[in-house]
Amino acid sequence: MRLLLAEDERELANWLCLALGQNGYIVDWVNDGRLVENSVREVKYDALILDLGLPGIDGHAVLARLRELDARLPVLILTARDSLLERVTTLKKGADDFMAKPFAIDELEARLTALIRRARGSEHPRMSCGPLVFDPLTRQFTLNDKILSLSRREHALLHALLQCSGEPLSKKDIHDKVFSDEVDAMPEAVEVLIYRVRRKLEASPLHIVTLRGIGYLLELR
């Protein structure tokens, strides 16, 4: 899942990017409210984590602008302004959830999962393909009821393929989802990653199929 983080506290933002990244999320960070709208237009995010006290344009104005544009992006407010009035006002203006600082990363991840699941409507808490199961609350894959050991990039690739629900994912889409934080990553890196994940699935009935000129598809043999 790909997130946009709008937060001007550099230390907190770096920690969040690292913590969420270790659990399979891809996080893009902006530190100014004026950068949010263009980011949302250019990239299809699964959710936005929005601080209210942003420079440039504050979080309230950012939220209002996104809702004026009819952006259906789930928005989780993350702020030090923890008053009942602030919570009620922000939720009425279109926020989907509200968390006060300081917070526990496990709770943040659980709330993000719930927001994204509700936004998609049809997505179930657990996604699966045969014996492969992904639990969004633990951010873990299991294969034949055993935890599947994956690197961060392998995790992101397998999650992207599983989300497609039988539809092929192009090499460019994979590159954008998995290597978004590496501007110098070559297209060949996708093929290397596909090979590594195939090796981890080879003892199972699952297979990553190459559809030439189209992309890659996760399916049961």
N, C-alpha and C. Protein backbone atom coordinates (compact mmCIF):
# COMPACT_ATOMS: atom_id res chain seq x y z
N MET A 1 0.84 -1.19 0.00
CA MET A 1 0.00 0.00 0.00
C MET A 1 0.89 1.25 0.00
N ARG A 2 0.44 2.26 -0.71
CA ARG A 2 1.23 3.47 -0.85
C ARG A 2 0.54 4.63 -0.13
N LEU A 3 1.29 5.31 0.72
CA LEU A 3 0.75 6.38 1.55
C LEU A 3 1.44 7.69 1.24
N LEU A 4 0.69 8.78 1.44
CA LEU A 4 1.26 10.12 1.41
C LEU A 4 1.26 10.66 2.83
N LEU A 5 2.42 11.09 3.31
CA LEU A 5 2.55 11.66 4.64
C LEU A 5 2.82 13.15 4.51
N ALA A 6 1.93 13.97 5.06
CA ALA A 6 2.11 15.42 5.07
C ALA A 6 2.39 15.85 6.51
N GLU A 7 3.66 16.07 6.80
CA GLU A 7 4.11 16.32 8.17
C GLU A 7 5.36 17.20 8.12
N ASP A 8 5.37 18.29 8.92
CA ASP A 8 6.52 19.20 8.86
C ASP A 8 7.58 18.92 9.91
N GLU A 9 7.32 18.01 10.85
CA GLU A 9 8.34 17.64 11.83
C GLU A 9 9.24 16.57 11.21
N ARG A 10 10.46 16.97 10.84
CA ARG A 10 11.35 16.07 10.11
C ARG A 10 11.66 14.78 10.87
N GLU A 11 11.94 14.89 12.15
CA GLU A 11 12.30 13.71 12.92
C GLU A 11 11.14 12.71 12.98
N LEU A 12 9.94 13.22 13.23
CA LEU A 12 8.76 12.35 13.26
C LEU A 12 8.50 11.74 11.88
N ALA A 13 8.63 12.54 10.83
CA ALA A 13 8.37 12.06 9.48
C ALA A 13 9.36 10.96 9.10
N ASN A 14 10.63 11.15 9.42
CA ASN A 14 11.64 10.13 9.11
C ASN A 14 11.34 8.83 9.85
N TRP A 15 10.94 8.96 11.11
CA TRP A 15 10.61 7.76 11.90
C TRP A 15 9.40 7.04 11.33
N LEU A 16 8.38 7.79 10.96
CA LEU A 16 7.19 7.18 10.39
C LEU A 16 7.48 6.49 9.06
N CYS A 17 8.26 7.14 8.21
CA CYS A 17 8.61 6.53 6.91
C CYS A 17 9.35 5.21 7.13
N LEU A 18 10.26 5.20 8.10
CA LEU A 18 11.03 3.98 8.38
C LEU A 18 10.14 2.90 8.98
N ALA A 19 9.35 3.27 10.00
CA ALA A 19 8.51 2.28 10.69
C ALA A 19 7.46 1.69 9.76
N LEU A 20 6.79 2.52 8.98
CA LEU A 20 5.77 2.02 8.06
C LEU A 20 6.41 1.26 6.91
N GLY A 21 7.58 1.72 6.46
CA GLY A 21 8.28 1.02 5.38
C GLY A 21 8.70 -0.38 5.77
N GLN A 22 9.09 -0.56 7.01
CA GLN A 22 9.49 -1.89 7.49
C GLN A 22 8.32 -2.85 7.53
N ASN A 23 7.11 -2.33 7.53
CA ASN A 23 5.91 -3.17 7.55
C ASN A 23 5.22 -3.25 6.20
N GLY A 24 5.96 -2.90 5.14
CA GLY A 24 5.45 -3.13 3.80
C GLY A 24 4.79 -1.96 3.12
N TYR A 25 4.66 -0.83 3.81
CA TYR A 25 4.08 0.35 3.18
C TYR A 25 5.15 1.09 2.37
N ILE A 26 4.71 1.77 1.32
CA ILE A 26 5.56 2.71 0.60
C ILE A 26 5.05 4.10 0.97
N VAL A 27 5.93 4.93 1.52
CA VAL A 27 5.52 6.23 2.05
C VAL A 27 6.24 7.35 1.32
N ASP A 28 5.47 8.27 0.75
CA ASP A 28 6.01 9.51 0.19
C ASP A 28 5.76 10.62 1.20
N TRP A 29 6.75 11.50 1.38
CA TRP A 29 6.66 12.52 2.41
C TRP A 29 6.74 13.91 1.81
N VAL A 30 5.81 14.79 2.23
CA VAL A 30 5.88 16.21 1.91
C VAL A 30 5.80 16.98 3.22
N ASN A 31 6.47 18.13 3.28
CA ASN A 31 6.52 18.90 4.53
C ASN A 31 5.84 20.26 4.42
N ASP A 32 5.03 20.45 3.37
CA ASP A 32 4.35 21.72 3.14
C ASP A 32 2.97 21.43 2.56
N GLY A 33 1.94 22.10 3.11
CA GLY A 33 0.58 21.85 2.65
C GLY A 33 0.37 22.13 1.19
N ARG A 34 1.17 23.03 0.61
CA ARG A 34 1.01 23.37 -0.79
C ARG A 34 1.42 22.25 -1.73
N LEU A 35 2.13 21.25 -1.21
CA LEU A 35 2.61 20.15 -2.04
C LEU A 35 1.64 18.97 -2.10
N VAL A 36 0.63 18.98 -1.24
CA VAL A 36 -0.25 17.80 -1.12
C VAL A 36 -1.10 17.60 -2.37
N GLU A 37 -1.75 18.66 -2.84
CA GLU A 37 -2.69 18.51 -3.95
C GLU A 37 -2.01 17.95 -5.20
N ASN A 38 -0.86 18.48 -5.56
CA ASN A 38 -0.16 17.98 -6.75
C ASN A 38 0.27 16.53 -6.57
N SER A 39 0.70 16.18 -5.35
CA SER A 39 1.11 14.79 -5.09
C SER A 39 -0.06 13.84 -5.29
N VAL A 40 -1.24 14.25 -4.80
CA VAL A 40 -2.44 13.41 -4.92
C VAL A 40 -2.87 13.29 -6.39
N ARG A 41 -2.68 14.36 -7.16
CA ARG A 41 -3.03 14.31 -8.59
C ARG A 41 -2.11 13.39 -9.37
N GLU A 42 -0.83 13.34 -8.97
CA GLU A 42 0.17 12.61 -9.75
C GLU A 42 0.26 11.13 -9.40
N VAL A 43 -0.09 10.77 -8.17
CA VAL A 43 0.09 9.40 -7.70
C VAL A 43 -1.22 8.90 -7.08
N LYS A 44 -1.54 7.66 -7.33
CA LYS A 44 -2.73 7.06 -6.73
C LYS A 44 -2.35 6.48 -5.36
N TYR A 45 -2.67 7.23 -4.32
CA TYR A 45 -2.35 6.79 -2.96
C TYR A 45 -3.52 6.02 -2.35
N ASP A 46 -3.17 5.15 -1.40
CA ASP A 46 -4.20 4.41 -0.68
C ASP A 46 -4.74 5.21 0.49
N ALA A 47 -3.94 6.12 1.04
CA ALA A 47 -4.40 6.96 2.15
C ALA A 47 -3.44 8.12 2.34
N LEU A 48 -3.93 9.17 3.01
CA LEU A 48 -3.14 10.35 3.35
C LEU A 48 -3.10 10.50 4.86
N ILE A 49 -1.89 10.63 5.41
CA ILE A 49 -1.71 10.97 6.82
C ILE A 49 -1.42 12.46 6.86
N LEU A 50 -2.29 13.23 7.48
CA LEU A 50 -2.25 14.69 7.36
C LEU A 50 -2.10 15.37 8.72
N ASP A 51 -1.04 16.15 8.86
CA ASP A 51 -0.86 17.00 10.04
C ASP A 51 -1.64 18.29 9.84
N LEU A 52 -2.22 18.82 10.90
CA LEU A 52 -3.00 20.05 10.76
C LEU A 52 -2.11 21.30 10.73
N GLY A 53 -0.98 21.26 11.44
CA GLY A 53 -0.14 22.44 11.56
C GLY A 53 0.93 22.55 10.49
N LEU A 54 0.56 22.40 9.23
CA LEU A 54 1.52 22.45 8.14
C LEU A 54 1.82 23.89 7.74
N PRO A 55 3.05 24.15 7.29
CA PRO A 55 3.35 25.47 6.72
C PRO A 55 2.77 25.58 5.31
N GLY A 56 2.72 26.80 4.78
CA GLY A 56 2.19 26.99 3.43
C GLY A 56 0.68 27.05 3.44
N ILE A 57 0.07 25.90 3.56
CA ILE A 57 -1.38 25.77 3.70
C ILE A 57 -1.61 24.79 4.84
N ASP A 58 -2.41 25.15 5.84
CA ASP A 58 -2.58 24.23 6.97
C ASP A 58 -3.46 23.04 6.59
N GLY A 59 -3.48 22.06 7.50
CA GLY A 59 -4.19 20.82 7.22
C GLY A 59 -5.66 20.99 6.96
N HIS A 60 -6.31 21.94 7.65
CA HIS A 60 -7.73 22.18 7.42
C HIS A 60 -7.98 22.62 5.97
N ALA A 61 -7.14 23.52 5.48
CA ALA A 61 -7.31 24.01 4.10
C ALA A 61 -7.00 22.92 3.09
N VAL A 62 -5.99 22.10 3.39
CA VAL A 62 -5.66 20.98 2.50
C VAL A 62 -6.85 20.03 2.39
N LEU A 63 -7.42 19.67 3.54
CA LEU A 63 -8.57 18.76 3.57
C LEU A 63 -9.75 19.34 2.80
N ALA A 64 -10.02 20.61 3.03
CA ALA A 64 -11.14 21.25 2.33
C ALA A 64 -10.93 21.22 0.82
N ARG A 65 -9.71 21.50 0.37
CA ARG A 65 -9.41 21.50 -1.06
C ARG A 65 -9.58 20.11 -1.66
N LEU A 66 -9.11 19.09 -0.97
CA LEU A 66 -9.25 17.72 -1.49
C LEU A 66 -10.71 17.33 -1.61
N ARG A 67 -11.53 17.71 -0.64
CA ARG A 67 -12.95 17.36 -0.70
C ARG A 67 -13.68 18.18 -1.76
N GLU A 68 -13.23 19.41 -2.01
CA GLU A 68 -13.80 20.20 -3.11
C GLU A 68 -13.53 19.53 -4.46
N LEU A 69 -12.36 18.90 -4.55
CA LEU A 69 -11.98 18.21 -5.78
C LEU A 69 -12.62 16.83 -5.88
N ASP A 70 -13.39 16.45 -4.86
CA ASP A 70 -14.04 15.14 -4.78
C ASP A 70 -13.02 14.01 -4.74
N ALA A 71 -11.87 14.30 -4.15
CA ALA A 71 -10.86 13.24 -3.98
C ALA A 71 -11.36 12.24 -2.94
N ARG A 72 -11.44 10.98 -3.33
CA ARG A 72 -11.98 9.95 -2.43
C ARG A 72 -10.91 9.34 -1.54
N LEU A 73 -9.76 9.96 -1.48
CA LEU A 73 -8.64 9.45 -0.71
C LEU A 73 -8.96 9.44 0.79
N PRO A 74 -8.80 8.30 1.48
CA PRO A 74 -9.00 8.29 2.93
C PRO A 74 -7.96 9.18 3.61
N VAL A 75 -8.41 9.99 4.55
CA VAL A 75 -7.52 10.94 5.23
C VAL A 75 -7.53 10.67 6.73
N LEU A 76 -6.35 10.42 7.28
CA LEU A 76 -6.19 10.24 8.72
C LEU A 76 -5.45 11.47 9.25
N ILE A 77 -6.09 12.21 10.14
CA ILE A 77 -5.48 13.39 10.74
C ILE A 77 -4.57 12.96 11.88
N LEU A 78 -3.34 13.48 11.87
CA LEU A 78 -2.37 13.18 12.91
C LEU A 78 -1.88 14.53 13.45
N THR A 79 -2.25 14.86 14.69
CA THR A 79 -1.99 16.21 15.18
C THR A 79 -1.84 16.27 16.69
N ALA A 80 -1.19 17.32 17.14
CA ALA A 80 -1.08 17.56 18.59
C ALA A 80 -2.30 18.29 19.13
N ARG A 81 -3.18 18.74 18.24
CA ARG A 81 -4.37 19.49 18.66
C ARG A 81 -5.47 18.50 19.07
N ASP A 82 -5.43 18.10 20.32
CA ASP A 82 -6.32 17.01 20.76
C ASP A 82 -7.48 17.52 21.61
N SER A 83 -8.29 18.39 21.06
CA SER A 83 -9.49 18.84 21.77
C SER A 83 -10.72 18.20 21.13
N LEU A 84 -11.79 18.08 21.90
CA LEU A 84 -13.02 17.50 21.37
C LEU A 84 -13.53 18.33 20.19
N LEU A 85 -13.47 19.65 20.32
CA LEU A 85 -13.94 20.52 19.25
C LEU A 85 -13.13 20.30 17.97
N GLU A 86 -11.82 20.15 18.11
CA GLU A 86 -10.96 19.93 16.94
C GLU A 86 -11.31 18.61 16.27
N ARG A 87 -11.51 17.58 17.06
CA ARG A 87 -11.86 16.26 16.50
C ARG A 87 -13.18 16.34 15.74
N VAL A 88 -14.19 16.89 16.38
CA VAL A 88 -15.52 16.94 15.78
C VAL A 88 -15.50 17.79 14.51
N THR A 89 -14.87 18.95 14.58
CA THR A 89 -14.82 19.86 13.43
C THR A 89 -14.11 19.21 12.25
N THR A 90 -12.98 18.58 12.52
CA THR A 90 -12.19 17.97 11.45
C THR A 90 -12.92 16.80 10.81
N LEU A 91 -13.56 15.98 11.61
CA LEU A 91 -14.31 14.85 11.06
C LEU A 91 -15.50 15.32 10.24
N LYS A 92 -16.18 16.38 10.70
CA LYS A 92 -17.31 16.92 9.94
C LYS A 92 -16.87 17.51 8.60
N LYS A 93 -15.64 18.00 8.55
CA LYS A 93 -15.15 18.62 7.32
C LYS A 93 -14.58 17.60 6.33
N GLY A 94 -14.63 16.32 6.67
CA GLY A 94 -14.27 15.31 5.68
C GLY A 94 -13.13 14.39 6.03
N ALA A 95 -12.53 14.54 7.22
CA ALA A 95 -11.50 13.59 7.62
C ALA A 95 -12.16 12.24 7.93
N ASP A 96 -11.41 11.16 7.72
CA ASP A 96 -11.95 9.83 7.97
C ASP A 96 -11.59 9.30 9.35
N ASP A 97 -10.50 9.81 9.91
CA ASP A 97 -10.11 9.39 11.26
C ASP A 97 -9.19 10.46 11.84
N PHE A 98 -8.96 10.38 13.15
CA PHE A 98 -8.23 11.42 13.87
C PHE A 98 -7.40 10.76 14.95
N MET A 99 -6.10 11.02 14.97
CA MET A 99 -5.22 10.51 16.02
C MET A 99 -4.40 11.66 16.59
N ALA A 100 -4.27 11.67 17.91
CA ALA A 100 -3.50 12.71 18.58
C ALA A 100 -2.07 12.23 18.82
N LYS A 101 -1.12 13.15 18.75
CA LYS A 101 0.26 12.85 19.10
C LYS A 101 0.41 13.00 20.61
N PRO A 102 1.20 12.16 21.27
CA PRO A 102 1.93 11.01 20.72
C PRO A 102 0.99 9.83 20.48
N PHE A 103 1.45 8.86 19.72
CA PHE A 103 0.61 7.73 19.34
C PHE A 103 1.46 6.48 19.23
N ALA A 104 0.79 5.32 19.19
CA ALA A 104 1.47 4.04 19.02
C ALA A 104 1.43 3.66 17.55
N ILE A 105 2.55 3.24 16.99
CA ILE A 105 2.61 2.90 15.57
C ILE A 105 1.68 1.74 15.23
N ASP A 106 1.50 0.79 16.16
CA ASP A 106 0.60 -0.34 15.90
C ASP A 106 -0.84 0.14 15.72
N GLU A 107 -1.25 1.11 16.54
CA GLU A 107 -2.61 1.64 16.40
C GLU A 107 -2.75 2.41 15.09
N LEU A 108 -1.73 3.17 14.73
CA LEU A 108 -1.78 3.91 13.47
C LEU A 108 -1.94 2.95 12.30
N GLU A 109 -1.17 1.88 12.28
CA GLU A 109 -1.27 0.90 11.19
C GLU A 109 -2.64 0.25 11.15
N ALA A 110 -3.18 -0.09 12.32
CA ALA A 110 -4.50 -0.72 12.37
C ALA A 110 -5.58 0.23 11.84
N ARG A 111 -5.48 1.50 12.18
CA ARG A 111 -6.46 2.47 11.70
C ARG A 111 -6.33 2.69 10.20
N LEU A 112 -5.10 2.74 9.70
CA LEU A 112 -4.89 2.89 8.26
C LEU A 112 -5.50 1.71 7.50
N THR A 113 -5.27 0.52 8.02
CA THR A 113 -5.83 -0.68 7.38
C THR A 113 -7.35 -0.61 7.32
N ALA A 114 -7.96 -0.20 8.42
CA ALA A 114 -9.43 -0.10 8.46
C ALA A 114 -9.93 0.96 7.49
N LEU A 115 -9.26 2.10 7.42
CA LEU A 115 -9.66 3.17 6.49
C LEU A 115 -9.60 2.70 5.05
N ILE A 116 -8.49 2.08 4.70
CA ILE A 116 -8.29 1.64 3.32
C ILE A 116 -9.29 0.56 2.95
N ARG A 117 -9.55 -0.35 3.89
CA ARG A 117 -10.51 -1.42 3.64
C ARG A 117 -11.91 -0.85 3.41
N ARG A 118 -12.31 0.12 4.22
CA ARG A 118 -13.63 0.73 4.04
C ARG A 118 -13.71 1.49 2.73
N ALA A 119 -12.63 2.16 2.36
CA ALA A 119 -12.63 2.94 1.12
C ALA A 119 -12.78 2.04 -0.10
N ARG A 120 -12.20 0.85 -0.03
CA ARG A 120 -12.30 -0.07 -1.16
C ARG A 120 -13.60 -0.83 -1.16
N GLY A 121 -14.26 -0.86 -0.02
CA GLY A 121 -15.58 -1.46 0.03
C GLY A 121 -15.58 -2.97 0.03
N SER A 122 -15.06 -3.56 -1.01
CA SER A 122 -15.17 -5.01 -1.17
C SER A 122 -13.98 -5.77 -0.62
N GLU A 123 -12.94 -5.07 -0.17
CA GLU A 123 -11.76 -5.79 0.29
C GLU A 123 -11.99 -6.38 1.66
N HIS A 124 -11.63 -7.61 1.84
CA HIS A 124 -11.79 -8.30 3.11
C HIS A 124 -10.57 -8.08 3.99
N PRO A 125 -10.73 -8.26 5.31
CA PRO A 125 -9.59 -8.06 6.20
C PRO A 125 -8.40 -8.93 5.82
N ARG A 126 -8.66 -10.12 5.32
CA ARG A 126 -7.56 -11.00 4.91
C ARG A 126 -7.68 -11.25 3.41
N MET A 127 -6.58 -11.07 2.70
CA MET A 127 -6.54 -11.35 1.27
C MET A 127 -5.80 -12.67 1.08
N SER A 128 -6.23 -13.44 0.10
CA SER A 128 -5.59 -14.73 -0.10
C SER A 128 -5.64 -15.15 -1.55
N CYS A 129 -4.72 -16.06 -1.88
CA CYS A 129 -4.69 -16.75 -3.17
C CYS A 129 -4.22 -18.15 -2.89
N GLY A 130 -5.15 -19.09 -2.85
CA GLY A 130 -4.78 -20.45 -2.47
C GLY A 130 -4.22 -20.48 -1.06
N PRO A 131 -3.05 -21.10 -0.87
CA PRO A 131 -2.47 -21.20 0.48
C PRO A 131 -1.73 -19.94 0.94
N LEU A 132 -1.68 -18.92 0.07
CA LEU A 132 -1.02 -17.67 0.43
C LEU A 132 -2.05 -16.71 1.03
N VAL A 133 -1.77 -16.24 2.25
CA VAL A 133 -2.71 -15.35 2.95
C VAL A 133 -1.95 -14.13 3.46
N PHE A 134 -2.56 -12.96 3.27
CA PHE A 134 -1.99 -11.72 3.81
C PHE A 134 -2.95 -11.17 4.85
N ASP A 135 -2.42 -10.93 6.05
CA ASP A 135 -3.20 -10.34 7.13
C ASP A 135 -2.77 -8.88 7.28
N PRO A 136 -3.63 -7.91 6.93
CA PRO A 136 -3.22 -6.51 6.98
C PRO A 136 -2.99 -5.98 8.38
N LEU A 137 -3.54 -6.63 9.38
CA LEU A 137 -3.33 -6.16 10.75
C LEU A 137 -1.93 -6.48 11.24
N THR A 138 -1.42 -7.66 10.89
CA THR A 138 -0.06 -8.03 11.28
C THR A 138 0.95 -7.70 10.19
N ARG A 139 0.45 -7.35 8.97
CA ARG A 139 1.30 -7.05 7.81
C ARG A 139 2.15 -8.25 7.43
N GLN A 140 1.65 -9.46 7.68
CA GLN A 140 2.43 -10.67 7.39
C GLN A 140 1.75 -11.53 6.34
N PHE A 141 2.59 -12.19 5.54
CA PHE A 141 2.13 -13.22 4.62
C PHE A 141 2.37 -14.58 5.27
N THR A 142 1.41 -15.47 5.10
CA THR A 142 1.63 -16.86 5.48
C THR A 142 1.41 -17.74 4.25
N LEU A 143 2.21 -18.79 4.16
CA LEU A 143 2.09 -19.76 3.07
C LEU A 143 1.95 -21.12 3.70
N ASN A 144 0.83 -21.79 3.44
CA ASN A 144 0.53 -23.06 4.10
C ASN A 144 0.60 -22.91 5.62
N ASP A 145 0.04 -21.81 6.12
CA ASP A 145 -0.06 -21.51 7.55
C ASP A 145 1.28 -21.24 8.22
N LYS A 146 2.33 -21.03 7.44
CA LYS A 146 3.64 -20.68 8.00
C LYS A 146 4.02 -19.29 7.51
N ILE A 147 4.62 -18.49 8.41
CA ILE A 147 5.01 -17.13 8.05
C ILE A 147 6.04 -17.17 6.92
N LEU A 148 5.79 -16.38 5.88
CA LEU A 148 6.68 -16.32 4.73
C LEU A 148 7.68 -15.20 4.95
N SER A 149 8.96 -15.55 4.97
CA SER A 149 10.02 -14.57 5.20
C SER A 149 10.30 -13.81 3.90
N LEU A 150 10.10 -12.48 3.95
CA LEU A 150 10.26 -11.66 2.76
C LEU A 150 11.02 -10.38 3.10
N SER A 151 11.82 -9.91 2.15
CA SER A 151 12.42 -8.60 2.31
C SER A 151 11.34 -7.53 2.10
N ARG A 152 11.68 -6.28 2.39
CA ARG A 152 10.69 -5.21 2.24
C ARG A 152 10.21 -5.12 0.79
N ARG A 153 11.11 -5.23 -0.17
CA ARG A 153 10.73 -5.12 -1.58
C ARG A 153 9.94 -6.36 -2.04
N GLU A 154 10.34 -7.53 -1.58
CA GLU A 154 9.59 -8.74 -1.90
C GLU A 154 8.17 -8.65 -1.34
N HIS A 155 8.06 -8.15 -0.14
CA HIS A 155 6.76 -7.97 0.50
C HIS A 155 5.89 -7.02 -0.32
N ALA A 156 6.46 -5.89 -0.74
CA ALA A 156 5.71 -4.90 -1.52
C ALA A 156 5.26 -5.48 -2.86
N LEU A 157 6.13 -6.25 -3.51
CA LEU A 157 5.78 -6.86 -4.80
C LEU A 157 4.65 -7.86 -4.64
N LEU A 158 4.76 -8.74 -3.67
CA LEU A 158 3.74 -9.78 -3.49
C LEU A 158 2.41 -9.16 -3.10
N HIS A 159 2.45 -8.13 -2.28
CA HIS A 159 1.22 -7.45 -1.88
C HIS A 159 0.56 -6.79 -3.09
N ALA A 160 1.35 -6.17 -3.95
CA ALA A 160 0.81 -5.52 -5.14
C ALA A 160 0.16 -6.54 -6.07
N LEU A 161 0.81 -7.68 -6.26
CA LEU A 161 0.25 -8.73 -7.13
C LEU A 161 -1.04 -9.30 -6.54
N LEU A 162 -1.05 -9.49 -5.23
CA LEU A 162 -2.23 -10.05 -4.58
C LEU A 162 -3.41 -9.09 -4.63
N GLN A 163 -3.13 -7.80 -4.54
CA GLN A 163 -4.18 -6.79 -4.60
C GLN A 163 -4.87 -6.74 -5.95
N CYS A 164 -4.16 -7.16 -7.00
CA CYS A 164 -4.71 -7.03 -8.35
C CYS A 164 -5.86 -7.99 -8.63
N SER A 165 -6.04 -8.98 -7.77
CA SER A 165 -7.18 -9.90 -7.89
C SER A 165 -7.31 -10.53 -9.27
N GLY A 166 -6.23 -11.12 -9.76
CA GLY A 166 -6.29 -11.83 -11.03
C GLY A 166 -6.01 -10.98 -12.25
N GLU A 167 -5.75 -9.69 -12.06
CA GLU A 167 -5.41 -8.83 -13.18
C GLU A 167 -3.90 -8.63 -13.26
N PRO A 168 -3.33 -8.58 -14.47
CA PRO A 168 -1.87 -8.42 -14.59
C PRO A 168 -1.42 -7.04 -14.14
N LEU A 169 -0.20 -7.00 -13.63
CA LEU A 169 0.42 -5.76 -13.18
C LEU A 169 1.61 -5.49 -14.09
N SER A 170 1.65 -4.33 -14.71
CA SER A 170 2.72 -4.03 -15.65
C SER A 170 4.04 -3.82 -14.92
N LYS A 171 5.13 -3.95 -15.69
CA LYS A 171 6.46 -3.74 -15.10
C LYS A 171 6.58 -2.31 -14.57
N LYS A 172 6.01 -1.35 -15.27
CA LYS A 172 6.09 0.04 -14.82
C LYS A 172 5.33 0.23 -13.51
N ASP A 173 4.15 -0.38 -13.40
CA ASP A 173 3.37 -0.28 -12.16
C ASP A 173 4.15 -0.86 -10.99
N ILE A 174 4.78 -2.01 -11.22
CA ILE A 174 5.57 -2.64 -10.17
C ILE A 174 6.74 -1.74 -9.78
N HIS A 175 7.41 -1.21 -10.79
CA HIS A 175 8.55 -0.32 -10.53
C HIS A 175 8.11 0.89 -9.70
N ASP A 176 6.97 1.48 -10.05
CA ASP A 176 6.48 2.66 -9.34
C ASP A 176 6.09 2.34 -7.90
N LYS A 177 5.51 1.16 -7.69
CA LYS A 177 5.05 0.78 -6.37
C LYS A 177 6.19 0.34 -5.45
N VAL A 178 7.14 -0.38 -6.01
CA VAL A 178 8.17 -1.02 -5.19
C VAL A 178 9.45 -0.20 -5.07
N PHE A 179 9.79 0.51 -6.14
CA PHE A 179 11.05 1.24 -6.16
C PHE A 179 10.84 2.76 -6.18
N SER A 180 9.75 3.22 -5.61
CA SER A 180 9.44 4.66 -5.66
C SER A 180 10.48 5.51 -4.94
N ASP A 181 11.17 4.93 -3.97
CA ASP A 181 12.16 5.70 -3.21
C ASP A 181 13.57 5.56 -3.77
N GLU A 182 13.71 4.91 -4.93
CA GLU A 182 15.02 4.74 -5.56
C GLU A 182 14.93 5.25 -6.99
N VAL A 183 15.26 6.52 -7.18
CA VAL A 183 15.11 7.12 -8.50
C VAL A 183 16.06 6.50 -9.52
N ASP A 184 17.14 5.88 -9.04
CA ASP A 184 18.13 5.30 -9.95
C ASP A 184 17.88 3.82 -10.23
N ALA A 185 16.82 3.24 -9.66
CA ALA A 185 16.56 1.82 -9.86
C ALA A 185 16.23 1.55 -11.33
N MET A 186 16.92 0.59 -11.92
CA MET A 186 16.73 0.25 -13.33
C MET A 186 15.51 -0.66 -13.49
N PRO A 187 14.89 -0.65 -14.68
CA PRO A 187 13.74 -1.54 -14.92
C PRO A 187 14.08 -3.01 -14.70
N GLU A 188 15.36 -3.37 -14.93
CA GLU A 188 15.78 -4.77 -14.74
C GLU A 188 15.64 -5.21 -13.28
N ALA A 189 15.60 -4.24 -12.36
CA ALA A 189 15.46 -4.59 -10.95
C ALA A 189 14.14 -5.31 -10.69
N VAL A 190 13.12 -4.99 -11.47
CA VAL A 190 11.82 -5.66 -11.33
C VAL A 190 11.97 -7.14 -11.66
N GLU A 191 12.69 -7.45 -12.74
CA GLU A 191 12.86 -8.84 -13.14
C GLU A 191 13.63 -9.63 -12.09
N VAL A 192 14.63 -9.01 -11.49
CA VAL A 192 15.40 -9.67 -10.43
C VAL A 192 14.50 -9.96 -9.23
N LEU A 193 13.65 -8.99 -8.88
CA LEU A 193 12.75 -9.16 -7.75
C LEU A 193 11.71 -10.25 -8.04
N ILE A 194 11.18 -10.26 -9.24
CA ILE A 194 10.22 -11.31 -9.64
C ILE A 194 10.87 -12.69 -9.48
N TYR A 195 12.10 -12.81 -9.92
CA TYR A 195 12.84 -14.09 -9.82
C TYR A 195 12.96 -14.53 -8.36
N ARG A 196 13.31 -13.58 -7.48
CA ARG A 196 13.50 -13.91 -6.07
C ARG A 196 12.20 -14.37 -5.42
N VAL A 197 11.09 -13.70 -5.75
CA VAL A 197 9.81 -14.10 -5.16
C VAL A 197 9.34 -15.44 -5.74
N ARG A 198 9.59 -15.65 -7.02
CA ARG A 198 9.25 -16.95 -7.62
C ARG A 198 9.95 -18.09 -6.88
N ARG A 199 11.20 -17.87 -6.52
CA ARG A 199 11.95 -18.90 -5.81
C ARG A 199 11.30 -19.23 -4.46
N LYS A 200 10.75 -18.21 -3.81
CA LYS A 200 10.13 -18.44 -2.50
C LYS A 200 8.76 -19.10 -2.60
N LEU A 201 8.18 -19.08 -3.80
CA LEU A 201 6.86 -19.69 -4.02
C LEU A 201 6.95 -21.03 -4.74
N GLU A 202 8.15 -21.45 -5.14
CA GLU A 202 8.27 -22.58 -6.06
C GLU A 202 7.80 -23.91 -5.47
N ALA A 203 7.79 -24.04 -4.15
CA ALA A 203 7.31 -25.29 -3.54
C ALA A 203 5.80 -25.28 -3.32
N SER A 204 5.13 -24.23 -3.76
CA SER A 204 3.69 -24.10 -3.57
C SER A 204 2.98 -24.16 -4.92
N PRO A 205 1.64 -24.22 -4.91
CA PRO A 205 0.90 -24.21 -6.18
C PRO A 205 0.78 -22.82 -6.80
N LEU A 206 1.43 -21.82 -6.21
CA LEU A 206 1.37 -20.45 -6.72
C LEU A 206 2.49 -20.20 -7.72
N HIS A 207 2.19 -19.33 -8.67
CA HIS A 207 3.18 -19.02 -9.70
C HIS A 207 2.97 -17.60 -10.19
N ILE A 208 4.08 -16.89 -10.44
CA ILE A 208 3.99 -15.57 -11.05
C ILE A 208 4.19 -15.74 -12.55
N VAL A 209 3.14 -15.50 -13.30
CA VAL A 209 3.16 -15.71 -14.75
C VAL A 209 3.60 -14.43 -15.45
N THR A 210 4.46 -14.59 -16.46
CA THR A 210 4.87 -13.46 -17.29
C THR A 210 3.97 -13.40 -18.53
N LEU A 211 3.27 -12.29 -18.69
CA LEU A 211 2.44 -12.07 -19.88
C LEU A 211 3.18 -11.06 -20.75
N ARG A 212 3.84 -11.52 -21.78
CA ARG A 212 4.73 -10.67 -22.56
C ARG A 212 4.00 -9.45 -23.11
N GLY A 213 4.61 -8.29 -22.89
CA GLY A 213 4.03 -7.05 -23.35
C GLY A 213 2.92 -6.52 -22.47
N ILE A 214 2.54 -7.28 -21.44
CA ILE A 214 1.44 -6.86 -20.55
C ILE A 214 1.94 -6.68 -19.12
N GLY A 215 2.55 -7.73 -18.57
CA GLY A 215 3.04 -7.63 -17.21
C GLY A 215 3.10 -8.97 -16.52
N TYR A 216 2.81 -8.97 -15.22
CA TYR A 216 2.93 -10.16 -14.41
C TYR A 216 1.63 -10.43 -13.65
N LEU A 217 1.36 -11.73 -13.43
CA LEU A 217 0.09 -12.15 -12.81
C LEU A 217 0.37 -13.26 -11.81
N LEU A 218 -0.20 -13.12 -10.61
CA LEU A 218 -0.10 -14.18 -9.60
C LEU A 218 -1.29 -15.11 -9.77
N GLU A 219 -1.02 -16.41 -9.92
CA GLU A 219 -2.11 -17.35 -10.10
C GLU A 219 -1.76 -18.71 -9.52
N LEU A 220 -2.81 -19.53 -9.35
CA LEU A 220 -2.63 -20.92 -8.92
C LEU A 220 -2.36 -21.78 -10.13
N ARG A 221 -1.40 -22.70 -10.01
CA ARG A 221 -1.11 -23.58 -11.15
C ARG A 221 -2.21 -24.62 -11.28
